[in-house]
Amino acid sequence: MLNRTLASLTIAASLIAAAGCNDGTPRLIAVPAPSELAKPGTMTVTGSATLEVSPDCADLTLTISADGVQPGVATRTLQGKQQQLVAALAKLGVADSDVKLSYLTMNPIYEPNPTGWAPLRVHTYRAEITVTATTHQFEKIGDIMDAGANAGVTAMSTAFRRSDLPQLKKKVRDMALAAAKDKAKQTADALGIKLGRVVTVGEAANGSMWGNAYFPQVANNEARVTSPGALGGTLQPLTLDITVGYELATQI
């Protein structure tokens, strides 16, 4: 059997050499490469973390308006109302850094035109400015609104938010990573395998609070139990899922 195999290999080598000599073209003989080492297996786990958060501050948006026969007259009248409002907010303990002037608008107010054909004429100019006052004391919201009304505020709105949301996100991320790590160790110990290096990491945020510091104005299906004394609505979940992929250590 061995002699027969050697003879076959000799004949095959001779034929290859002869073919190479016939046309003068070099011939390459492919030698099978050694088998590749088996790739290590992988394991993927997901760690989830949720933190219920409530609002800790409120932004009150106050709009002041004033009319004048000329834009300058309207602006000066508006500045007087603005100073009155800022002074009233200061008496309530609202710091200067918590009062922001958003924007000023100036619009002409036209005279009524019964016929619809006469040229439009400006009757007066209306200047408006928006002031945003932030407070961490929810019990003062009513007093701030009263101060706004006394200063001639024509429109008010409130929005509740969490001022330390970036820090809370870091906390939730640490919780999710710890959960993923613990789950991976528990699974590996139960299966009797060893974990290698981390090869993939991905995260997926759930709920609206992760991308928006403001709380919903109206409770919805995602709302949680009501926080006592929280005017901003119900507690909202700050949820994050982190998926970690591990390479399994090579068993020796």
C-alpha atoms as a PDB file:
ATOM      1  CA  MET A   1       0.000   0.000   0.000  1.00  0.00           C
ATOM      2  CA  LEU A   2       2.790   2.425   0.949  1.00  0.00           C
ATOM      3  CA  ASN A   3       4.743   1.577  -2.235  1.00  0.00           C
ATOM      4  CA  ARG A   4       1.668   2.193  -4.326  1.00  0.00           C
ATOM      5  CA  THR A   5       1.104   5.656  -2.703  1.00  0.00           C
ATOM      6  CA  LEU A   6       4.743   6.696  -3.239  1.00  0.00           C
ATOM      7  CA  ALA A   7       4.522   5.644  -6.829  1.00  0.00           C
ATOM      8  CA  SER A   8       1.418   7.772  -7.376  1.00  0.00           C
ATOM      9  CA  LEU A   9       3.084  10.841  -5.833  1.00  0.00           C
ATOM     10  CA  THR A  10       6.171  10.309  -8.061  1.00  0.00           C
ATOM     11  CA  ILE A  11       4.042  10.124 -11.188  1.00  0.00           C
ATOM     12  CA  ALA A  12       2.078  13.262 -10.225  1.00  0.00           C
ATOM     13  CA  ALA A  13       5.267  15.214  -9.557  1.00  0.00           C
ATOM     14  CA  SER A  14       6.696  14.105 -12.888  1.00  0.00           C
ATOM     15  CA  LEU A  15       3.585  15.208 -14.745  1.00  0.00           C
ATOM     16  CA  ILE A  16       3.686  18.672 -13.110  1.00  0.00           C
ATOM     17  CA  ALA A  17       7.369  19.061 -13.908  1.00  0.00           C
ATOM     18  CA  ALA A  18       6.784  17.951 -17.477  1.00  0.00           C
ATOM     19  CA  ALA A  19       3.950  20.421 -17.911  1.00  0.00           C
ATOM     20  CA  GLY A  20       6.168  23.208 -16.643  1.00  0.00           C
ATOM     21  CA  CYS A  21       8.927  22.261 -19.069  1.00  0.00           C
ATOM     22  CA  ASN A  22       6.599  22.105 -22.055  1.00  0.00           C
ATOM     23  CA  ASP A  23       5.631  25.810 -22.192  1.00  0.00           C
ATOM     24  CA  GLY A  24       8.438  27.305 -20.137  1.00  0.00           C
ATOM     25  CA  THR A  25       6.010  28.810 -17.592  1.00  0.00           C
ATOM     26  CA  PRO A  26       6.921  28.350 -13.922  1.00  0.00           C
ATOM     27  CA  ARG A  27       4.390  26.280 -12.012  1.00  0.00           C
ATOM     28  CA  LEU A  28       3.516  26.767  -8.334  1.00  0.00           C
ATOM     29  CA  ILE A  29       2.665  23.745  -6.272  1.00  0.00           C
ATOM     30  CA  ALA A  30       0.089  24.602  -3.553  1.00  0.00           C
ATOM     31  CA  VAL A  31       0.940  23.173  -0.193  1.00  0.00           C
ATOM     32  CA  PRO A  32      -2.014  22.913   2.213  1.00  0.00           C
ATOM     33  CA  ALA A  33      -1.619  25.311   5.145  1.00  0.00           C
ATOM     34  CA  PRO A  34      -1.943  24.005   8.699  1.00  0.00           C
ATOM     35  CA  SER A  35      -5.451  24.220  10.147  1.00  0.00           C
ATOM     36  CA  GLU A  36      -6.298  27.543  11.746  1.00  0.00           C
ATOM     37  CA  LEU A  37      -6.554  27.624  15.495  1.00  0.00           C
ATOM     38  CA  ALA A  38     -10.148  27.490  16.692  1.00  0.00           C
ATOM     39  CA  LYS A  39     -11.464  30.993  17.406  1.00  0.00           C
ATOM     40  CA  PRO A  40     -12.528  31.593  20.998  1.00  0.00           C
ATOM     41  CA  GLY A  41     -16.231  31.697  21.720  1.00  0.00           C
ATOM     42  CA  THR A  42     -18.091  34.809  22.863  1.00  0.00           C
ATOM     43  CA  MET A  43     -20.811  35.597  25.373  1.00  0.00           C
ATOM     44  CA  THR A  44     -23.096  38.641  25.410  1.00  0.00           C
ATOM     45  CA  VAL A  45     -24.995  39.909  28.429  1.00  0.00           C
ATOM     46  CA  THR A  46     -27.257  42.918  29.027  1.00  0.00           C
ATOM     47  CA  GLY A  47     -27.343  44.913  32.236  1.00  0.00           C
ATOM     48  CA  SER A  48     -30.332  47.160  32.969  1.00  0.00           C
ATOM     49  CA  ALA A  49     -30.704  49.971  35.484  1.00  0.00           C
ATOM     50  CA  THR A  50     -33.587  52.280  36.341  1.00  0.00           C
ATOM     51  CA  LEU A  51     -33.645  55.310  38.597  1.00  0.00           C
ATOM     52  CA  GLU A  52     -36.916  57.038  39.444  1.00  0.00           C
ATOM     53  CA  VAL A  53     -36.423  60.820  39.358  1.00  0.00           C
ATOM     54  CA  SER A  54     -38.602  63.763  40.290  1.00  0.00           C
ATOM     55  CA  PRO A  55     -38.230  67.429  39.258  1.00  0.00           C
ATOM     56  CA  ASP A  56     -36.070  69.630  41.472  1.00  0.00           C
ATOM     57  CA  CYS A  57     -36.655  73.018  39.779  1.00  0.00           C
ATOM     58  CA  ALA A  58     -39.222  74.897  37.738  1.00  0.00           C
ATOM     59  CA  ASP A  59     -38.779  77.346  34.870  1.00  0.00           C
ATOM     60  CA  LEU A  60     -41.456  80.023  34.677  1.00  0.00           C
ATOM     61  CA  THR A  61     -41.698  81.775  31.321  1.00  0.00           C
ATOM     62  CA  LEU A  62     -43.170  85.268  31.657  1.00  0.00           C
ATOM     63  CA  THR A  63     -44.045  87.479  28.681  1.00  0.00           C
ATOM     64  CA  ILE A  64     -44.270  91.264  29.114  1.00  0.00           C
ATOM     65  CA  SER A  65     -45.688  93.549  26.431  1.00  0.00           C
ATOM     66  CA  ALA A  66     -46.036  97.297  25.954  1.00  0.00           C
ATOM     67  CA  ASP A  67     -47.526  99.458  23.200  1.00  0.00           C
ATOM     68  CA  GLY A  68     -46.256 102.800  21.889  1.00  0.00           C
ATOM     69  CA  VAL A  69     -46.828 105.136  18.948  1.00  0.00           C
ATOM     70  CA  GLN A  70     -43.151 104.647  18.077  1.00  0.00           C
ATOM     71  CA  PRO A  71     -40.880 101.626  18.581  1.00  0.00           C
ATOM     72  CA  GLY A  72     -38.685 103.598  20.978  1.00  0.00           C
ATOM     73  CA  VAL A  73     -41.676 104.550  23.137  1.00  0.00           C
ATOM     74  CA  ALA A  74     -42.823 100.927  23.296  1.00  0.00           C
ATOM     75  CA  THR A  75     -39.309  99.757  24.180  1.00  0.00           C
ATOM     76  CA  ARG A  76     -38.873 102.292  27.005  1.00  0.00           C
ATOM     77  CA  THR A  77     -42.255 101.371  28.477  1.00  0.00           C
ATOM     78  CA  LEU A  78     -41.336  97.713  28.260  1.00  0.00           C
ATOM     79  CA  GLN A  79     -38.011  98.298  30.028  1.00  0.00           C
ATOM     80  CA  GLY A  80     -39.843  99.903  32.927  1.00  0.00           C
ATOM     81  CA  LYS A  81     -42.102  96.846  33.290  1.00  0.00           C
ATOM     82  CA  GLN A  82     -39.084  94.560  33.025  1.00  0.00           C
ATOM     83  CA  GLN A  83     -37.259  96.358  35.835  1.00  0.00           C
ATOM     84  CA  GLN A  84     -40.375  96.157  37.987  1.00  0.00           C
ATOM     85  CA  LEU A  85     -40.616  92.402  37.384  1.00  0.00           C
ATOM     86  CA  VAL A  86     -36.917  91.735  38.087  1.00  0.00           C
ATOM     87  CA  ALA A  87     -37.114  93.751  41.322  1.00  0.00           C
ATOM     88  CA  ALA A  88     -40.197  91.803  42.420  1.00  0.00           C
ATOM     89  CA  LEU A  89     -38.460  88.493  41.684  1.00  0.00           C
ATOM     90  CA  ALA A  90     -35.422  89.578  43.695  1.00  0.00           C
ATOM     91  CA  LYS A  91     -37.663  90.286  46.706  1.00  0.00           C
ATOM     92  CA  LEU A  92     -38.936  86.722  46.440  1.00  0.00           C
ATOM     93  CA  GLY A  93     -35.398  85.365  46.629  1.00  0.00           C
ATOM     94  CA  VAL A  94     -34.926  84.569  42.936  1.00  0.00           C
ATOM     95  CA  ALA A  95     -31.214  85.069  42.217  1.00  0.00           C
ATOM     96  CA  ASP A  96     -30.035  87.202  39.287  1.00  0.00           C
ATOM     97  CA  SER A  97     -28.390  84.127  37.744  1.00  0.00           C
ATOM     98  CA  ASP A  98     -31.810  82.404  37.708  1.00  0.00           C
ATOM     99  CA  VAL A  99     -33.435  85.203  35.687  1.00  0.00           C
ATOM    100  CA  LYS A 100     -32.805  85.129  31.941  1.00  0.00           C
ATOM    101  CA  LEU A 101     -34.063  87.498  29.252  1.00  0.00           C
ATOM    102  CA  SER A 102     -34.853  85.335  26.256  1.00  0.00           C
ATOM    103  CA  TYR A 103     -35.715  87.655  23.374  1.00  0.00           C
ATOM    104  CA  LEU A 104     -37.312  90.950  22.403  1.00  0.00           C
ATOM    105  CA  THR A 105     -39.835  91.301  19.588  1.00  0.00           C
ATOM    106  CA  MET A 106     -41.350  94.396  17.970  1.00  0.00           C
ATOM    107  CA  ASN A 107     -44.498  94.152  15.847  1.00  0.00           C
ATOM    108  CA  PRO A 108     -46.669  96.859  14.233  1.00  0.00           C
ATOM    109  CA  ILE A 109     -50.358  96.900  15.111  1.00  0.00           C
ATOM    110  CA  TYR A 110     -52.427  98.047  12.119  1.00  0.00           C
ATOM    111  CA  GLU A 111     -55.613 100.089  12.203  1.00  0.00           C
ATOM    112  CA  PRO A 112     -58.846  98.263  11.395  1.00  0.00           C
ATOM    113  CA  ASN A 113     -59.743  98.446   7.726  1.00  0.00           C
ATOM    114  CA  PRO A 114     -63.502  97.972   7.207  1.00  0.00           C
ATOM    115  CA  THR A 115     -63.422  98.290   3.414  1.00  0.00           C
ATOM    116  CA  GLY A 116     -60.509  95.991   2.852  1.00  0.00           C
ATOM    117  CA  TRP A 117     -59.165  98.237   0.044  1.00  0.00           C
ATOM    118  CA  ALA A 118     -57.586 101.174   1.826  1.00  0.00           C
ATOM    119  CA  PRO A 119     -53.828 101.030   2.470  1.00  0.00           C
ATOM    120  CA  LEU A 120     -52.883  99.568   5.841  1.00  0.00           C
ATOM    121  CA  ARG A 121     -51.813 102.117   8.428  1.00  0.00           C
ATOM    122  CA  VAL A 122     -49.800 101.405  11.573  1.00  0.00           C
ATOM    123  CA  HIS A 123     -51.850 102.235  14.636  1.00  0.00           C
ATOM    124  CA  THR A 124     -49.181 101.449  17.244  1.00  0.00           C
ATOM    125  CA  TYR A 125     -46.119  99.292  17.927  1.00  0.00           C
ATOM    126  CA  ARG A 126     -46.062  96.408  20.391  1.00  0.00           C
ATOM    127  CA  ALA A 127     -42.835  95.357  22.064  1.00  0.00           C
ATOM    128  CA  GLU A 128     -42.635  92.022  23.889  1.00  0.00           C
ATOM    129  CA  ILE A 129     -39.916  90.450  25.988  1.00  0.00           C
ATOM    130  CA  THR A 130     -39.742  86.966  27.490  1.00  0.00           C
ATOM    131  CA  VAL A 131     -38.263  86.446  30.948  1.00  0.00           C
ATOM    132  CA  THR A 132     -37.477  82.986  32.337  1.00  0.00           C
ATOM    133  CA  ALA A 133     -37.290  82.708  36.124  1.00  0.00           C
ATOM    134  CA  THR A 134     -35.994  79.500  37.694  1.00  0.00           C
ATOM    135  CA  THR A 135     -36.798  78.428  41.222  1.00  0.00           C
ATOM    136  CA  HIS A 136     -36.020  75.343  43.304  1.00  0.00           C
ATOM    137  CA  GLN A 137     -38.742  76.252  45.790  1.00  0.00           C
ATOM    138  CA  PHE A 138     -42.016  75.072  44.326  1.00  0.00           C
ATOM    139  CA  GLU A 139     -44.019  76.805  47.048  1.00  0.00           C
ATOM    140  CA  LYS A 140     -42.944  80.164  45.557  1.00  0.00           C
ATOM    141  CA  ILE A 141     -44.420  79.504  42.111  1.00  0.00           C
ATOM    142  CA  GLY A 142     -47.693  81.181  43.028  1.00  0.00           C
ATOM    143  CA  ASP A 143     -45.889  84.242  44.427  1.00  0.00           C
ATOM    144  CA  ILE A 144     -43.789  84.527  41.257  1.00  0.00           C
ATOM    145  CA  MET A 145     -46.942  84.451  39.147  1.00  0.00           C
ATOM    146  CA  ASP A 146     -48.499  87.162  41.309  1.00  0.00           C
ATOM    147  CA  ALA A 147     -45.378  89.309  40.864  1.00  0.00           C
ATOM    148  CA  GLY A 148     -45.602  88.791  37.123  1.00  0.00           C
ATOM    149  CA  ALA A 149     -49.245  89.799  37.012  1.00  0.00           C
ATOM    150  CA  ASN A 150     -48.512  92.967  38.993  1.00  0.00           C
ATOM    151  CA  ALA A 151     -45.700  93.845  36.565  1.00  0.00           C
ATOM    152  CA  GLY A 152     -48.005  93.560  33.541  1.00  0.00           C
ATOM    153  CA  VAL A 153     -47.131  90.047  32.366  1.00  0.00           C
ATOM    154  CA  THR A 154     -49.513  88.994  29.599  1.00  0.00           C
ATOM    155  CA  ALA A 155     -48.636  85.281  29.370  1.00  0.00           C
ATOM    156  CA  MET A 156     -47.179  82.710  31.776  1.00  0.00           C
ATOM    157  CA  SER A 157     -46.161  79.065  31.512  1.00  0.00           C
ATOM    158  CA  THR A 158     -44.264  76.579  33.670  1.00  0.00           C
ATOM    159  CA  ALA A 159     -41.965  73.661  32.900  1.00  0.00           C
ATOM    160  CA  PHE A 160     -40.433  71.319  35.461  1.00  0.00           C
ATOM    161  CA  ARG A 161     -37.018  69.721  35.043  1.00  0.00           C
ATOM    162  CA  ARG A 162     -34.141  68.004  36.754  1.00  0.00           C
ATOM    163  CA  SER A 163     -31.067  70.243  37.077  1.00  0.00           C
ATOM    164  CA  ASP A 164     -28.543  67.453  37.815  1.00  0.00           C
ATOM    165  CA  LEU A 165     -29.600  65.121  34.995  1.00  0.00           C
ATOM    166  CA  PRO A 166     -26.016  64.557  33.673  1.00  0.00           C
ATOM    167  CA  GLN A 167     -24.888  63.324  37.091  1.00  0.00           C
ATOM    168  CA  LEU A 168     -27.925  61.053  37.354  1.00  0.00           C
ATOM    169  CA  LYS A 169     -27.150  59.604  33.922  1.00  0.00           C
ATOM    170  CA  LYS A 170     -23.638  58.706  35.075  1.00  0.00           C
ATOM    171  CA  LYS A 171     -25.082  56.984  38.128  1.00  0.00           C
ATOM    172  CA  VAL A 172     -27.520  54.950  36.029  1.00  0.00           C
ATOM    173  CA  ARG A 173     -24.727  54.016  33.602  1.00  0.00           C
ATOM    174  CA  ASP A 174     -22.549  52.773  36.475  1.00  0.00           C
ATOM    175  CA  MET A 175     -25.493  50.746  37.761  1.00  0.00           C
ATOM    176  CA  ALA A 176     -26.118  49.173  34.340  1.00  0.00           C
ATOM    177  CA  LEU A 177     -22.430  48.333  33.850  1.00  0.00           C
ATOM    178  CA  ALA A 178     -22.263  46.735  37.300  1.00  0.00           C
ATOM    179  CA  ALA A 179     -25.393  44.714  36.494  1.00  0.00           C
ATOM    180  CA  ALA A 180     -23.903  43.486  33.192  1.00  0.00           C
ATOM    181  CA  LYS A 181     -20.607  42.557  34.861  1.00  0.00           C
ATOM    182  CA  ASP A 182     -22.377  40.699  37.661  1.00  0.00           C
ATOM    183  CA  LYS A 183     -24.591  38.830  35.209  1.00  0.00           C
ATOM    184  CA  ALA A 184     -21.587  37.794  33.096  1.00  0.00           C
ATOM    185  CA  LYS A 185     -19.705  36.492  36.153  1.00  0.00           C
ATOM    186  CA  GLN A 186     -22.739  34.609  37.431  1.00  0.00           C
ATOM    187  CA  THR A 187     -23.325  32.971  34.054  1.00  0.00           C
ATOM    188  CA  ALA A 188     -19.660  32.056  33.595  1.00  0.00           C
ATOM    189  CA  ASP A 189     -19.432  30.532  37.079  1.00  0.00           C
ATOM    190  CA  ALA A 190     -22.602  28.515  36.532  1.00  0.00           C
ATOM    191  CA  LEU A 191     -21.324  27.153  33.207  1.00  0.00           C
ATOM    192  CA  GLY A 192     -17.784  26.572  34.436  1.00  0.00           C
ATOM    193  CA  ILE A 193     -16.160  28.819  31.849  1.00  0.00           C
ATOM    194  CA  LYS A 194     -13.678  31.665  32.065  1.00  0.00           C
ATOM    195  CA  LEU A 195     -14.226  35.154  30.685  1.00  0.00           C
ATOM    196  CA  GLY A 196     -11.656  36.834  28.470  1.00  0.00           C
ATOM    197  CA  ARG A 197     -11.434  40.408  27.262  1.00  0.00           C
ATOM    198  CA  VAL A 198     -14.397  42.687  26.487  1.00  0.00           C
ATOM    199  CA  VAL A 199     -14.939  42.899  22.722  1.00  0.00           C
ATOM    200  CA  THR A 200     -18.177  44.910  22.369  1.00  0.00           C
ATOM    201  CA  VAL A 201     -20.112  47.463  24.402  1.00  0.00           C
ATOM    202  CA  GLY A 202     -23.397  49.105  23.456  1.00  0.00           C
ATOM    203  CA  GLU A 203     -26.089  51.027  25.268  1.00  0.00           C
ATOM    204  CA  ALA A 204     -29.773  51.730  24.642  1.00  0.00           C
ATOM    205  CA  ALA A 205     -31.746  54.333  26.577  1.00  0.00           C
ATOM    206  CA  ASN A 206     -35.419  53.784  27.348  1.00  0.00           C
ATOM    207  CA  GLY A 207     -38.054  56.406  28.052  1.00  0.00           C
ATOM    208  CA  SER A 208     -38.208  60.118  27.316  1.00  0.00           C
ATOM    209  CA  MET A 209     -36.219  61.358  30.308  1.00  0.00           C
ATOM    210  CA  TRP A 210     -32.833  60.274  28.938  1.00  0.00           C
ATOM    211  CA  GLY A 211     -32.910  62.857  26.161  1.00  0.00           C
ATOM    212  CA  ASN A 212     -35.097  65.515  27.760  1.00  0.00           C
ATOM    213  CA  ALA A 213     -34.499  67.241  31.083  1.00  0.00           C
ATOM    214  CA  TYR A 214     -38.112  68.480  31.231  1.00  0.00           C
ATOM    215  CA  PHE A 215     -40.878  66.369  32.687  1.00  0.00           C
ATOM    216  CA  PRO A 216     -44.100  65.654  30.796  1.00  0.00           C
ATOM    217  CA  GLN A 217     -46.815  68.191  31.529  1.00  0.00           C
ATOM    218  CA  VAL A 218     -49.474  65.483  31.464  1.00  0.00           C
ATOM    219  CA  ALA A 219     -49.076  62.034  32.964  1.00  0.00           C
ATOM    220  CA  ASN A 220     -48.986  59.295  30.347  1.00  0.00           C
ATOM    221  CA  ASN A 221     -48.752  55.527  30.247  1.00  0.00           C
ATOM    222  CA  GLU A 222     -45.057  55.635  31.083  1.00  0.00           C
ATOM    223  CA  ALA A 223     -45.639  57.634  34.269  1.00  0.00           C
ATOM    224  CA  ARG A 224     -44.863  56.134  37.635  1.00  0.00           C
ATOM    225  CA  VAL A 225     -46.372  56.737  41.060  1.00  0.00           C
ATOM    226  CA  THR A 226     -46.911  60.325  42.088  1.00  0.00           C
ATOM    227  CA  SER A 227     -44.118  61.918  44.069  1.00  0.00           C
ATOM    228  CA  PRO A 228     -45.458  63.616  47.220  1.00  0.00           C
ATOM    229  CA  GLY A 229     -45.385  67.375  46.755  1.00  0.00           C
ATOM    230  CA  ALA A 230     -43.919  67.198  43.235  1.00  0.00           C
ATOM    231  CA  LEU A 231     -45.772  69.811  41.206  1.00  0.00           C
ATOM    232  CA  GLY A 232     -43.945  68.709  38.091  1.00  0.00           C
ATOM    233  CA  GLY A 233     -46.023  65.565  37.817  1.00  0.00           C
ATOM    234  CA  THR A 234     -45.276  61.951  38.507  1.00  0.00           C
ATOM    235  CA  LEU A 235     -41.929  60.291  39.013  1.00  0.00           C
ATOM    236  CA  GLN A 236     -40.253  59.458  35.727  1.00  0.00           C
ATOM    237  CA  PRO A 237     -37.936  56.489  35.043  1.00  0.00           C
ATOM    238  CA  LEU A 238     -34.378  57.120  33.902  1.00  0.00           C
ATOM    239  CA  THR A 239     -33.550  53.766  32.297  1.00  0.00           C
ATOM    240  CA  LEU A 240     -30.505  52.472  30.457  1.00  0.00           C
ATOM    241  CA  ASP A 241     -29.619  49.045  29.015  1.00  0.00           C
ATOM    242  CA  ILE A 242     -25.949  48.234  28.409  1.00  0.00           C
ATOM    243  CA  THR A 243     -24.920  45.183  26.370  1.00  0.00           C
ATOM    244  CA  VAL A 244     -21.392  43.828  26.889  1.00  0.00           C
ATOM    245  CA  GLY A 245     -19.779  41.150  24.744  1.00  0.00           C
ATOM    246  CA  TYR A 246     -17.026  39.001  26.266  1.00  0.00           C
ATOM    247  CA  GLU A 247     -14.514  36.767  24.561  1.00  0.00           C
ATOM    248  CA  LEU A 248     -14.269  33.427  26.315  1.00  0.00           C
ATOM    249  CA  ALA A 249     -10.828  32.598  27.656  1.00  0.00           C
ATOM    250  CA  THR A 250      -9.023  29.739  25.905  1.00  0.00           C
ATOM    251  CA  GLN A 251      -9.056  26.652  28.032  1.00  0.00           C
ATOM    252  CA  ILE A 252      -5.552  25.207  28.580  1.00  0.00           C
END
